Amino acid sequence: MTQLVITLKDQSYLPNIRRILKSLVGVEKVTMAKAGVKPAARMKRLSHYEQSLLDVEEGRVNTYENSEEFFKKMGI
């Protein structure tokens, strides 16, 4: 796959240029980005174990004195 980067001074031309580029044979995708801004890195999908460790680190856990208190809070 080959990419082409075009920098425009006047943003008003962008819709027309996108339309022209999309109509060309062999063009798969046309995206736009602001100059100087890098695209956000993809977040790695966390496993259930990694997510639980993150929850503990960030304090998203519940503690109970005993099972009776747990059942009471859960409404069981």
PDB file of N, CA and C in Angstrom:
ATOM      1  N   MET A   1       0.846  -1.165   0.000  1.00  0.00           N
ATOM      2  CA  MET A   1       0.000   0.000   0.000  1.00  0.00           C
ATOM      3  C   MET A   1       0.901   1.241   0.000  1.00  0.00           C
ATOM      4  N   THR A   2       0.544   2.233  -0.767  1.00  0.00           N
ATOM      5  CA  THR A   2       1.273   3.488  -0.864  1.00  0.00           C
ATOM      6  C   THR A   2       0.385   4.620  -0.383  1.00  0.00           C
ATOM      7  N   GLN A   3       0.981   5.573   0.313  1.00  0.00           N
ATOM      8  CA  GLN A   3       0.219   6.710   0.815  1.00  0.00           C
ATOM      9  C   GLN A   3       0.735   7.996   0.201  1.00  0.00           C
ATOM     10  N   LEU A   4      -0.183   8.951   0.066  1.00  0.00           N
ATOM     11  CA  LEU A   4       0.140  10.273  -0.459  1.00  0.00           C
ATOM     12  C   LEU A   4      -0.301  11.305   0.570  1.00  0.00           C
ATOM     13  N   VAL A   5       0.595  12.213   0.927  1.00  0.00           N
ATOM     14  CA  VAL A   5       0.266  13.261   1.895  1.00  0.00           C
ATOM     15  C   VAL A   5       0.181  14.582   1.151  1.00  0.00           C
ATOM     16  N   ILE A   6      -0.946  15.283   1.319  1.00  0.00           N
ATOM     17  CA  ILE A   6      -1.166  16.577   0.673  1.00  0.00           C
ATOM     18  C   ILE A   6      -1.403  17.609   1.771  1.00  0.00           C
ATOM     19  N   THR A   7      -0.687  18.715   1.720  1.00  0.00           N
ATOM     20  CA  THR A   7      -0.859  19.784   2.694  1.00  0.00           C
ATOM     21  C   THR A   7      -1.527  20.967   2.005  1.00  0.00           C
ATOM     22  N   LEU A   8      -2.636  21.424   2.573  1.00  0.00           N
ATOM     23  CA  LEU A   8      -3.398  22.536   1.996  1.00  0.00           C
ATOM     24  C   LEU A   8      -3.292  23.768   2.884  1.00  0.00           C
ATOM     25  N   LYS A   9      -3.116  24.923   2.252  1.00  0.00           N
ATOM     26  CA  LYS A   9      -3.124  26.177   3.001  1.00  0.00           C
ATOM     27  C   LYS A   9      -4.552  26.613   3.286  1.00  0.00           C
ATOM     28  N   ASP A  10      -5.420  26.448   2.300  1.00  0.00           N
ATOM     29  CA  ASP A  10      -6.816  26.855   2.430  1.00  0.00           C
ATOM     30  C   ASP A  10      -7.678  25.607   2.601  1.00  0.00           C
ATOM     31  N   GLN A  11      -8.309  25.481   3.749  1.00  0.00           N
ATOM     32  CA  GLN A  11      -9.100  24.303   4.075  1.00  0.00           C
ATOM     33  C   GLN A  11     -10.392  24.208   3.258  1.00  0.00           C
ATOM     34  N   SER A  12     -10.791  25.274   2.611  1.00  0.00           N
ATOM     35  CA  SER A  12     -12.044  25.259   1.855  1.00  0.00           C
ATOM     36  C   SER A  12     -11.972  24.339   0.632  1.00  0.00           C
ATOM     37  N   TYR A  13     -10.758  24.038   0.153  1.00  0.00           N
ATOM     38  CA  TYR A  13     -10.606  23.138  -0.993  1.00  0.00           C
ATOM     39  C   TYR A  13     -10.741  21.662  -0.613  1.00  0.00           C
ATOM     40  N   LEU A  14     -10.672  21.378   0.665  1.00  0.00           N
ATOM     41  CA  LEU A  14     -10.627  19.998   1.127  1.00  0.00           C
ATOM     42  C   LEU A  14     -11.800  19.128   0.657  1.00  0.00           C
ATOM     43  N   PRO A  15     -13.049  19.554   0.772  1.00  0.00           N
ATOM     44  CA  PRO A  15     -14.151  18.689   0.334  1.00  0.00           C
ATOM     45  C   PRO A  15     -14.058  18.302  -1.150  1.00  0.00           C
ATOM     46  N   ASN A  16     -13.686  19.262  -2.000  1.00  0.00           N
ATOM     47  CA  ASN A  16     -13.582  18.967  -3.432  1.00  0.00           C
ATOM     48  C   ASN A  16     -12.430  18.012  -3.728  1.00  0.00           C
ATOM     49  N   ILE A  17     -11.300  18.216  -3.074  1.00  0.00           N
ATOM     50  CA  ILE A  17     -10.158  17.344  -3.296  1.00  0.00           C
ATOM     51  C   ILE A  17     -10.458  15.932  -2.801  1.00  0.00           C
ATOM     52  N   ARG A  18     -11.114  15.811  -1.661  1.00  0.00           N
ATOM     53  CA  ARG A  18     -11.495  14.482  -1.155  1.00  0.00           C
ATOM     54  C   ARG A  18     -12.411  13.770  -2.136  1.00  0.00           C
ATOM     55  N   ARG A  19     -13.385  14.496  -2.671  1.00  0.00           N
ATOM     56  CA  ARG A  19     -14.326  13.911  -3.623  1.00  0.00           C
ATOM     57  C   ARG A  19     -13.596  13.419  -4.873  1.00  0.00           C
ATOM     58  N   ILE A  20     -12.657  14.218  -5.371  1.00  0.00           N
ATOM     59  CA  ILE A  20     -11.894  13.845  -6.563  1.00  0.00           C
ATOM     60  C   ILE A  20     -11.043  12.607  -6.284  1.00  0.00           C
ATOM     61  N   LEU A  21     -10.348  12.604  -5.140  1.00  0.00           N
ATOM     62  CA  LEU A  21      -9.484  11.473  -4.813  1.00  0.00           C
ATOM     63  C   LEU A  21     -10.278  10.182  -4.616  1.00  0.00           C
ATOM     64  N   LYS A  22     -11.443  10.262  -3.990  1.00  0.00           N
ATOM     65  CA  LYS A  22     -12.278   9.072  -3.791  1.00  0.00           C
ATOM     66  C   LYS A  22     -12.742   8.476  -5.114  1.00  0.00           C
ATOM     67  N   SER A  23     -12.906   9.332  -6.127  1.00  0.00           N
ATOM     68  CA  SER A  23     -13.418   8.842  -7.410  1.00  0.00           C
ATOM     69  C   SER A  23     -12.350   8.141  -8.248  1.00  0.00           C
ATOM     70  N   LEU A  24     -11.071   8.285  -7.883  1.00  0.00           N
ATOM     71  CA  LEU A  24     -10.002   7.646  -8.645  1.00  0.00           C
ATOM     72  C   LEU A  24     -10.001   6.136  -8.454  1.00  0.00           C
ATOM     73  N   VAL A  25      -9.688   5.410  -9.513  1.00  0.00           N
ATOM     74  CA  VAL A  25      -9.628   3.953  -9.460  1.00  0.00           C
ATOM     75  C   VAL A  25      -8.433   3.532  -8.614  1.00  0.00           C
ATOM     76  N   GLY A  26      -8.631   2.598  -7.694  1.00  0.00           N
ATOM     77  CA  GLY A  26      -7.559   2.088  -6.868  1.00  0.00           C
ATOM     78  C   GLY A  26      -7.416   2.774  -5.525  1.00  0.00           C
ATOM     79  N   VAL A  27      -8.160   3.849  -5.297  1.00  0.00           N
ATOM     80  CA  VAL A  27      -8.091   4.538  -4.006  1.00  0.00           C
ATOM     81  C   VAL A  27      -9.004   3.809  -3.031  1.00  0.00           C
ATOM     82  N   GLU A  28      -8.414   3.323  -1.945  1.00  0.00           N
ATOM     83  CA  GLU A  28      -9.188   2.559  -0.964  1.00  0.00           C
ATOM     84  C   GLU A  28      -9.835   3.446   0.087  1.00  0.00           C
ATOM     85  N   LYS A  29      -9.080   4.414   0.598  1.00  0.00           N
ATOM     86  CA  LYS A  29      -9.578   5.212   1.706  1.00  0.00           C
ATOM     87  C   LYS A  29      -8.969   6.605   1.639  1.00  0.00           C
ATOM     88  N   VAL A  30      -9.774   7.629   1.927  1.00  0.00           N
ATOM     89  CA  VAL A  30      -9.290   9.001   1.986  1.00  0.00           C
ATOM     90  C   VAL A  30      -9.609   9.522   3.383  1.00  0.00           C
ATOM     91  N   THR A  31      -8.561   9.867   4.138  1.00  0.00           N
ATOM     92  CA  THR A  31      -8.760  10.403   5.478  1.00  0.00           C
ATOM     93  C   THR A  31      -8.101  11.763   5.566  1.00  0.00           C
ATOM     94  N   MET A  32      -8.500  12.525   6.570  1.00  0.00           N
ATOM     95  CA  MET A  32      -7.886  13.843   6.746  1.00  0.00           C
ATOM     96  C   MET A  32      -7.437  13.976   8.189  1.00  0.00           C
ATOM     97  N   ALA A  33      -6.388  14.756   8.396  1.00  0.00           N
ATOM     98  CA  ALA A  33      -5.855  15.020   9.727  1.00  0.00           C
ATOM     99  C   ALA A  33      -5.295  16.430   9.741  1.00  0.00           C
ATOM    100  N   LYS A  34      -5.320  17.043  10.893  1.00  0.00           N
ATOM    101  CA  LYS A  34      -4.753  18.385  11.021  1.00  0.00           C
ATOM    102  C   LYS A  34      -3.239  18.280  11.021  1.00  0.00           C
ATOM    103  N   ALA A  35      -2.588  19.265  10.468  1.00  0.00           N
ATOM    104  CA  ALA A  35      -1.128  19.266  10.375  1.00  0.00           C
ATOM    105  C   ALA A  35      -0.514  19.349  11.761  1.00  0.00           C
ATOM    106  N   GLY A  36       0.524  18.575  11.968  1.00  0.00           N
ATOM    107  CA  GLY A  36       1.234  18.609  13.230  1.00  0.00           C
ATOM    108  C   GLY A  36       0.611  17.782  14.330  1.00  0.00           C
ATOM    109  N   VAL A  37      -0.541  17.195  14.075  1.00  0.00           N
ATOM    110  CA  VAL A  37      -1.207  16.388  15.084  1.00  0.00           C
ATOM    111  C   VAL A  37      -1.058  14.923  14.687  1.00  0.00           C
ATOM    112  N   LYS A  38      -0.415  14.154  15.545  1.00  0.00           N
ATOM    113  CA  LYS A  38      -0.243  12.734  15.265  1.00  0.00           C
ATOM    114  C   LYS A  38      -1.510  11.989  15.652  1.00  0.00           C
ATOM    115  N   PRO A  39      -1.887  10.965  14.899  1.00  0.00           N
ATOM    116  CA  PRO A  39      -3.067  10.195  15.274  1.00  0.00           C
ATOM    117  C   PRO A  39      -2.841   9.485  16.603  1.00  0.00           C
ATOM    118  N   ALA A  40      -3.908   9.323  17.344  1.00  0.00           N
ATOM    119  CA  ALA A  40      -3.810   8.672  18.649  1.00  0.00           C
ATOM    120  C   ALA A  40      -3.397   7.209  18.476  1.00  0.00           C
ATOM    121  N   ALA A  41      -2.546   6.768  19.348  1.00  0.00           N
ATOM    122  CA  ALA A  41      -2.112   5.372  19.296  1.00  0.00           C
ATOM    123  C   ALA A  41      -3.274   4.474  19.694  1.00  0.00           C
ATOM    124  N   ARG A  42      -3.338   3.335  19.070  1.00  0.00           N
ATOM    125  CA  ARG A  42      -4.407   2.399  19.405  1.00  0.00           C
ATOM    126  C   ARG A  42      -4.195   1.849  20.798  1.00  0.00           C
ATOM    127  N   MET A  43      -5.278   1.786  21.523  1.00  0.00           N
ATOM    128  CA  MET A  43      -5.224   1.227  22.859  1.00  0.00           C
ATOM    129  C   MET A  43      -5.203  -0.292  22.757  1.00  0.00           C
ATOM    130  N   LYS A  44      -4.319  -0.906  23.507  1.00  0.00           N
ATOM    131  CA  LYS A  44      -4.268  -2.360  23.546  1.00  0.00           C
ATOM    132  C   LYS A  44      -5.491  -2.841  24.307  1.00  0.00           C
ATOM    133  N   ARG A  45      -6.135  -3.851  23.802  1.00  0.00           N
ATOM    134  CA  ARG A  45      -7.297  -4.406  24.485  1.00  0.00           C
ATOM    135  C   ARG A  45      -6.809  -5.221  25.666  1.00  0.00           C
ATOM    136  N   LEU A  46      -7.303  -4.894  26.850  1.00  0.00           N
ATOM    137  CA  LEU A  46      -6.847  -5.536  28.068  1.00  0.00           C
ATOM    138  C   LEU A  46      -7.561  -6.864  28.285  1.00  0.00           C
ATOM    139  N   SER A  47      -6.825  -7.836  28.808  1.00  0.00           N
ATOM    140  CA  SER A  47      -7.452  -9.104  29.189  1.00  0.00           C
ATOM    141  C   SER A  47      -8.259  -8.849  30.461  1.00  0.00           C
ATOM    142  N   HIS A  48      -9.081  -9.811  30.846  1.00  0.00           N
ATOM    143  CA  HIS A  48      -9.887  -9.650  32.057  1.00  0.00           C
ATOM    144  C   HIS A  48      -8.990  -9.501  33.279  1.00  0.00           C
ATOM    145  N   TYR A  49      -7.901 -10.250  33.292  1.00  0.00           N
ATOM    146  CA  TYR A  49      -6.949 -10.161  34.409  1.00  0.00           C
ATOM    147  C   TYR A  49      -6.321  -8.770  34.471  1.00  0.00           C
ATOM    148  N   GLU A  50      -5.861  -8.246  33.331  1.00  0.00           N
ATOM    149  CA  GLU A  50      -5.252  -6.918  33.294  1.00  0.00           C
ATOM    150  C   GLU A  50      -6.265  -5.841  33.691  1.00  0.00           C
ATOM    151  N   GLN A  51      -7.514  -5.998  33.261  1.00  0.00           N
ATOM    152  CA  GLN A  51      -8.553  -5.042  33.618  1.00  0.00           C
ATOM    153  C   GLN A  51      -8.814  -5.066  35.120  1.00  0.00           C
ATOM    154  N   SER A  52      -8.806  -6.253  35.718  1.00  0.00           N
ATOM    155  CA  SER A  52      -9.032  -6.334  37.163  1.00  0.00           C
ATOM    156  C   SER A  52      -7.876  -5.691  37.932  1.00  0.00           C
ATOM    157  N   LEU A  53      -6.631  -5.871  37.454  1.00  0.00           N
ATOM    158  CA  LEU A  53      -5.495  -5.213  38.103  1.00  0.00           C
ATOM    159  C   LEU A  53      -5.609  -3.697  37.996  1.00  0.00           C
ATOM    160  N   LEU A  54      -6.059  -3.206  36.849  1.00  0.00           N
ATOM    161  CA  LEU A  54      -6.257  -1.769  36.669  1.00  0.00           C
ATOM    162  C   LEU A  54      -7.348  -1.247  37.599  1.00  0.00           C
ATOM    163  N   ASP A  55      -8.421  -2.025  37.771  1.00  0.00           N
ATOM    164  CA  ASP A  55      -9.492  -1.638  38.686  1.00  0.00           C
ATOM    165  C   ASP A  55      -8.977  -1.503  40.116  1.00  0.00           C
ATOM    166  N   VAL A  56      -8.137  -2.439  40.533  1.00  0.00           N
ATOM    167  CA  VAL A  56      -7.579  -2.388  41.884  1.00  0.00           C
ATOM    168  C   VAL A  56      -6.688  -1.159  42.033  1.00  0.00           C
ATOM    169  N   GLU A  57      -5.833  -0.893  41.046  1.00  0.00           N
ATOM    170  CA  GLU A  57      -4.934   0.257  41.107  1.00  0.00           C
ATOM    171  C   GLU A  57      -5.700   1.577  41.197  1.00  0.00           C
ATOM    172  N   GLU A  58      -6.830   1.658  40.501  1.00  0.00           N
ATOM    173  CA  GLU A  58      -7.593   2.900  40.458  1.00  0.00           C
ATOM    174  C   GLU A  58      -8.699   2.961  41.517  1.00  0.00           C
ATOM    175  N   GLY A  59      -8.742   1.949  42.381  1.00  0.00           N
ATOM    176  CA  GLY A  59      -9.681   1.991  43.502  1.00  0.00           C
ATOM    177  C   GLY A  59     -11.114   1.629  43.168  1.00  0.00           C
ATOM    178  N   ARG A  60     -11.336   0.942  42.078  1.00  0.00           N
ATOM    179  CA  ARG A  60     -12.700   0.539  41.713  1.00  0.00           C
ATOM    180  C   ARG A  60     -12.995  -0.868  42.246  1.00  0.00           C
ATOM    181  N   VAL A  61     -12.906  -1.010  43.552  1.00  0.00           N
ATOM    182  CA  VAL A  61     -13.174  -2.297  44.196  1.00  0.00           C
ATOM    183  C   VAL A  61     -14.078  -2.078  45.393  1.00  0.00           C
ATOM    184  N   ASN A  62     -14.787  -3.101  45.788  1.00  0.00           N
ATOM    185  CA  ASN A  62     -15.651  -3.061  46.957  1.00  0.00           C
ATOM    186  C   ASN A  62     -15.124  -4.061  47.972  1.00  0.00           C
ATOM    187  N   THR A  63     -15.164  -3.689  49.235  1.00  0.00           N
ATOM    188  CA  THR A  63     -14.760  -4.611  50.293  1.00  0.00           C
ATOM    189  C   THR A  63     -15.911  -4.781  51.266  1.00  0.00           C
ATOM    190  N   TYR A  64     -16.026  -5.982  51.796  1.00  0.00           N
ATOM    191  CA  TYR A  64     -17.083  -6.312  52.738  1.00  0.00           C
ATOM    192  C   TYR A  64     -16.464  -7.053  53.910  1.00  0.00           C
ATOM    193  N   GLU A  65     -17.054  -6.879  55.087  1.00  0.00           N
ATOM    194  CA  GLU A  65     -16.559  -7.546  56.291  1.00  0.00           C
ATOM    195  C   GLU A  65     -16.774  -9.056  56.213  1.00  0.00           C
ATOM    196  N   ASN A  66     -17.937  -9.448  55.693  1.00  0.00           N
ATOM    197  CA  ASN A  66     -18.250 -10.874  55.594  1.00  0.00           C
ATOM    198  C   ASN A  66     -19.276 -11.094  54.498  1.00  0.00           C
ATOM    199  N   SER A  67     -19.624 -12.342  54.281  1.00  0.00           N
ATOM    200  CA  SER A  67     -20.560 -12.665  53.197  1.00  0.00           C
ATOM    201  C   SER A  67     -21.962 -12.130  53.481  1.00  0.00           C
ATOM    202  N   GLU A  68     -22.340 -12.049  54.757  1.00  0.00           N
ATOM    203  CA  GLU A  68     -23.663 -11.526  55.109  1.00  0.00           C
ATOM    204  C   GLU A  68     -23.800 -10.068  54.648  1.00  0.00           C
ATOM    205  N   GLU A  69     -22.753  -9.274  54.879  1.00  0.00           N
ATOM    206  CA  GLU A  69     -22.776  -7.871  54.448  1.00  0.00           C
ATOM    207  C   GLU A  69     -22.829  -7.773  52.927  1.00  0.00           C
ATOM    208  N   PHE A  70     -22.089  -8.657  52.257  1.00  0.00           N
ATOM    209  CA  PHE A  70     -22.101  -8.692  50.793  1.00  0.00           C
ATOM    210  C   PHE A  70     -23.513  -8.971  50.270  1.00  0.00           C
ATOM    211  N   PHE A  71     -24.145 -10.010  50.803  1.00  0.00           N
ATOM    212  CA  PHE A  71     -25.489 -10.368  50.348  1.00  0.00           C
ATOM    213  C   PHE A  71     -26.485  -9.258  50.646  1.00  0.00           C
ATOM    214  N   LYS A  72     -26.303  -8.594  51.774  1.00  0.00           N
ATOM    215  CA  LYS A  72     -27.203  -7.491  52.153  1.00  0.00           C
ATOM    216  C   LYS A  72     -27.076  -6.338  51.140  1.00  0.00           C
ATOM    217  N   LYS A  73     -25.829  -5.982  50.787  1.00  0.00           N
ATOM    218  CA  LYS A  73     -25.599  -4.886  49.820  1.00  0.00           C
ATOM    219  C   LYS A  73     -26.131  -5.259  48.412  1.00  0.00           C
ATOM    220  N   MET A  74     -26.038  -6.532  48.059  1.00  0.00           N
ATOM    221  CA  MET A  74     -26.505  -6.985  46.753  1.00  0.00           C
ATOM    222  C   MET A  74     -28.024  -7.162  46.705  1.00  0.00           C
ATOM    223  N   GLY A  75     -28.651  -7.123  47.849  1.00  0.00           N
ATOM    224  CA  GLY A  75     -30.103  -7.280  47.886  1.00  0.00           C
ATOM    225  C   GLY A  75     -30.547  -8.717  47.762  1.00  0.00           C
ATOM    226  N   ILE A  76     -29.697  -9.614  48.186  1.00  0.00           N
ATOM    227  CA  ILE A  76     -30.022 -11.054  48.089  1.00  0.00           C
ATOM    228  C   ILE A  76     -30.517 -11.534  49.431  1.00  0.00           C
TER     229      ILE A  76
END
